[in-house]
Amino acid sequence: MAGAVISIDAAPGEVHDIAMVADDWGEVVISAPVAGDYRFLVSHTGKTFHATAHIAEGQDQLTVTAS
């Protein structure tokens, strides 16, 4: 989903980039300073989807792919 808007709906800590536009491969890379569960909203062509991811302790970024 190139061009999808991926936004952070919930996070265990403060995140500076709360929304980004996916690249040509439908991906964004998000800095995740705090371990825990992150919830995302993916908006594309008038539809919105929910996604979740778990960041493990010591992991500092996450690649989100909208497909």
N, C-alpha and C. Protein backbone atom coordinates (compact mmCIF):
# COMPACT_ATOMS: atom_id res chain seq x y z
N MET A 1 0.83 -1.19 0.00
CA MET A 1 0.00 0.00 0.00
C MET A 1 0.87 1.25 0.00
N ALA A 2 1.56 1.47 -1.07
CA ALA A 2 2.36 2.68 -1.19
C ALA A 2 1.47 3.90 -1.00
N GLY A 3 1.93 4.87 -0.26
CA GLY A 3 1.17 6.08 -0.02
C GLY A 3 0.19 6.00 1.13
N ALA A 4 0.09 4.85 1.78
CA ALA A 4 -0.81 4.73 2.94
C ALA A 4 -0.30 5.61 4.07
N VAL A 5 -1.22 6.16 4.84
CA VAL A 5 -0.85 6.93 6.03
C VAL A 5 -0.87 5.97 7.21
N ILE A 6 0.27 5.84 7.88
CA ILE A 6 0.38 4.95 9.03
C ILE A 6 0.61 5.82 10.25
N SER A 7 -0.31 5.74 11.19
CA SER A 7 -0.21 6.58 12.40
C SER A 7 -0.22 5.70 13.64
N ILE A 8 0.42 6.20 14.68
CA ILE A 8 0.46 5.48 15.95
C ILE A 8 -0.77 5.87 16.75
N ASP A 9 -1.58 4.88 17.05
CA ASP A 9 -2.82 5.09 17.80
C ASP A 9 -2.58 4.98 19.30
N ALA A 10 -1.68 4.08 19.70
CA ALA A 10 -1.36 3.92 21.12
C ALA A 10 0.07 3.39 21.23
N ALA A 11 0.78 3.86 22.25
CA ALA A 11 2.16 3.44 22.49
C ALA A 11 2.44 3.51 23.98
N PRO A 12 3.38 2.70 24.47
CA PRO A 12 3.70 2.71 25.89
C PRO A 12 4.53 3.92 26.32
N GLY A 13 4.96 4.73 25.36
CA GLY A 13 5.75 5.92 25.68
C GLY A 13 5.60 6.94 24.58
N GLU A 14 6.24 8.08 24.74
CA GLU A 14 6.15 9.16 23.76
C GLU A 14 6.89 8.78 22.48
N VAL A 15 6.25 9.03 21.34
CA VAL A 15 6.85 8.78 20.03
C VAL A 15 6.77 10.09 19.26
N HIS A 16 7.89 10.50 18.67
CA HIS A 16 7.94 11.81 18.01
C HIS A 16 7.22 11.84 16.66
N ASP A 17 7.37 10.81 15.85
CA ASP A 17 6.73 10.76 14.53
C ASP A 17 5.45 9.96 14.66
N ILE A 18 4.33 10.65 14.90
CA ILE A 18 3.09 9.91 15.15
C ILE A 18 2.37 9.47 13.88
N ALA A 19 2.77 10.01 12.73
CA ALA A 19 2.16 9.58 11.46
C ALA A 19 3.16 9.79 10.33
N MET A 20 3.17 8.85 9.40
CA MET A 20 4.06 8.93 8.24
C MET A 20 3.34 8.35 7.03
N VAL A 21 3.85 8.69 5.85
CA VAL A 21 3.30 8.15 4.61
C VAL A 21 4.22 7.01 4.16
N ALA A 22 3.63 5.87 3.84
CA ALA A 22 4.39 4.69 3.43
C ALA A 22 5.12 4.94 2.11
N ASP A 23 6.31 4.34 2.00
CA ASP A 23 7.11 4.49 0.78
C ASP A 23 6.55 3.62 -0.35
N ASP A 24 7.32 3.48 -1.42
CA ASP A 24 6.87 2.71 -2.59
C ASP A 24 6.63 1.24 -2.29
N TRP A 25 7.16 0.73 -1.18
CA TRP A 25 6.98 -0.67 -0.79
C TRP A 25 5.94 -0.81 0.31
N GLY A 26 5.29 0.30 0.67
CA GLY A 26 4.27 0.27 1.72
C GLY A 26 4.85 0.24 3.12
N GLU A 27 6.10 0.71 3.29
CA GLU A 27 6.77 0.63 4.58
C GLU A 27 7.08 1.99 5.18
N VAL A 28 7.11 2.03 6.51
CA VAL A 28 7.66 3.14 7.28
C VAL A 28 8.51 2.53 8.38
N VAL A 29 9.54 3.25 8.82
CA VAL A 29 10.36 2.82 9.95
C VAL A 29 10.11 3.79 11.09
N ILE A 30 9.73 3.24 12.23
CA ILE A 30 9.36 4.06 13.38
C ILE A 30 10.34 3.81 14.51
N SER A 31 10.88 4.89 15.08
CA SER A 31 11.71 4.76 16.28
C SER A 31 10.80 4.44 17.45
N ALA A 32 11.14 3.39 18.17
CA ALA A 32 10.32 2.94 19.29
C ALA A 32 11.19 2.91 20.55
N PRO A 33 11.21 4.01 21.29
CA PRO A 33 12.12 4.11 22.42
C PRO A 33 11.75 3.28 23.63
N VAL A 34 10.52 2.79 23.70
CA VAL A 34 10.05 2.05 24.87
C VAL A 34 9.50 0.69 24.42
N ALA A 35 9.90 -0.37 25.11
CA ALA A 35 9.37 -1.70 24.82
C ALA A 35 7.90 -1.77 25.20
N GLY A 36 7.14 -2.59 24.48
CA GLY A 36 5.73 -2.77 24.79
C GLY A 36 4.90 -2.91 23.54
N ASP A 37 3.60 -2.79 23.70
CA ASP A 37 2.67 -2.95 22.58
C ASP A 37 2.35 -1.61 21.94
N TYR A 38 2.40 -1.58 20.62
CA TYR A 38 2.08 -0.40 19.84
C TYR A 38 0.88 -0.72 18.97
N ARG A 39 -0.03 0.23 18.84
CA ARG A 39 -1.22 0.05 17.99
C ARG A 39 -1.17 1.11 16.89
N PHE A 40 -1.45 0.69 15.67
CA PHE A 40 -1.37 1.56 14.50
C PHE A 40 -2.70 1.64 13.77
N LEU A 41 -2.91 2.76 13.10
CA LEU A 41 -4.02 2.92 12.16
C LEU A 41 -3.38 3.08 10.78
N VAL A 42 -3.85 2.31 9.82
CA VAL A 42 -3.34 2.38 8.46
C VAL A 42 -4.50 2.84 7.58
N SER A 43 -4.34 4.02 6.97
CA SER A 43 -5.40 4.58 6.12
C SER A 43 -4.94 4.59 4.67
N HIS A 44 -5.80 4.05 3.80
CA HIS A 44 -5.45 3.97 2.38
C HIS A 44 -6.74 3.89 1.57
N THR A 45 -6.84 4.70 0.56
CA THR A 45 -7.99 4.76 -0.36
C THR A 45 -9.33 4.78 0.37
N GLY A 46 -9.41 5.59 1.40
CA GLY A 46 -10.68 5.77 2.11
C GLY A 46 -11.01 4.70 3.13
N LYS A 47 -10.14 3.74 3.34
CA LYS A 47 -10.36 2.68 4.32
C LYS A 47 -9.30 2.77 5.41
N THR A 48 -9.68 2.39 6.62
CA THR A 48 -8.74 2.39 7.74
C THR A 48 -8.68 1.00 8.36
N PHE A 49 -7.46 0.56 8.60
CA PHE A 49 -7.22 -0.75 9.19
C PHE A 49 -6.46 -0.57 10.50
N HIS A 50 -6.59 -1.52 11.40
CA HIS A 50 -5.87 -1.50 12.67
C HIS A 50 -4.78 -2.56 12.62
N ALA A 51 -3.65 -2.27 13.23
CA ALA A 51 -2.55 -3.24 13.33
C ALA A 51 -1.88 -3.05 14.68
N THR A 52 -1.30 -4.12 15.19
CA THR A 52 -0.57 -4.04 16.45
C THR A 52 0.80 -4.68 16.28
N ALA A 53 1.74 -4.27 17.11
CA ALA A 53 3.08 -4.85 17.11
C ALA A 53 3.63 -4.77 18.52
N HIS A 54 4.48 -5.73 18.85
CA HIS A 54 5.14 -5.72 20.15
C HIS A 54 6.62 -5.41 19.93
N ILE A 55 7.12 -4.43 20.65
CA ILE A 55 8.53 -4.08 20.62
C ILE A 55 9.20 -4.74 21.82
N ALA A 56 10.22 -5.55 21.55
CA ALA A 56 10.93 -6.24 22.63
C ALA A 56 11.94 -5.30 23.29
N GLU A 57 12.30 -5.61 24.51
CA GLU A 57 13.33 -4.85 25.22
C GLU A 57 14.62 -4.87 24.40
N GLY A 58 15.23 -3.71 24.20
CA GLY A 58 16.46 -3.61 23.43
C GLY A 58 16.25 -3.34 21.95
N GLN A 59 15.03 -3.49 21.46
CA GLN A 59 14.71 -3.18 20.06
C GLN A 59 14.42 -1.70 19.99
N ASP A 60 15.07 -0.97 19.06
CA ASP A 60 14.89 0.48 19.04
C ASP A 60 14.11 1.01 17.85
N GLN A 61 13.77 0.15 16.90
CA GLN A 61 12.93 0.60 15.80
C GLN A 61 12.10 -0.54 15.26
N LEU A 62 11.08 -0.16 14.52
CA LEU A 62 10.13 -1.13 13.98
C LEU A 62 9.82 -0.72 12.55
N THR A 63 9.81 -1.69 11.64
CA THR A 63 9.38 -1.44 10.28
C THR A 63 7.93 -1.91 10.16
N VAL A 64 7.05 -0.99 9.78
CA VAL A 64 5.64 -1.31 9.59
C VAL A 64 5.39 -1.38 8.10
N THR A 65 4.81 -2.50 7.65
CA THR A 65 4.51 -2.68 6.23
C THR A 65 3.00 -2.77 6.04
N ALA A 66 2.47 -1.88 5.21
CA ALA A 66 1.04 -1.90 4.88
C ALA A 66 0.90 -2.72 3.61
N SER A 67 0.19 -3.85 3.71
CA SER A 67 0.02 -4.69 2.52
C SER A 67 -1.40 -5.22 2.44
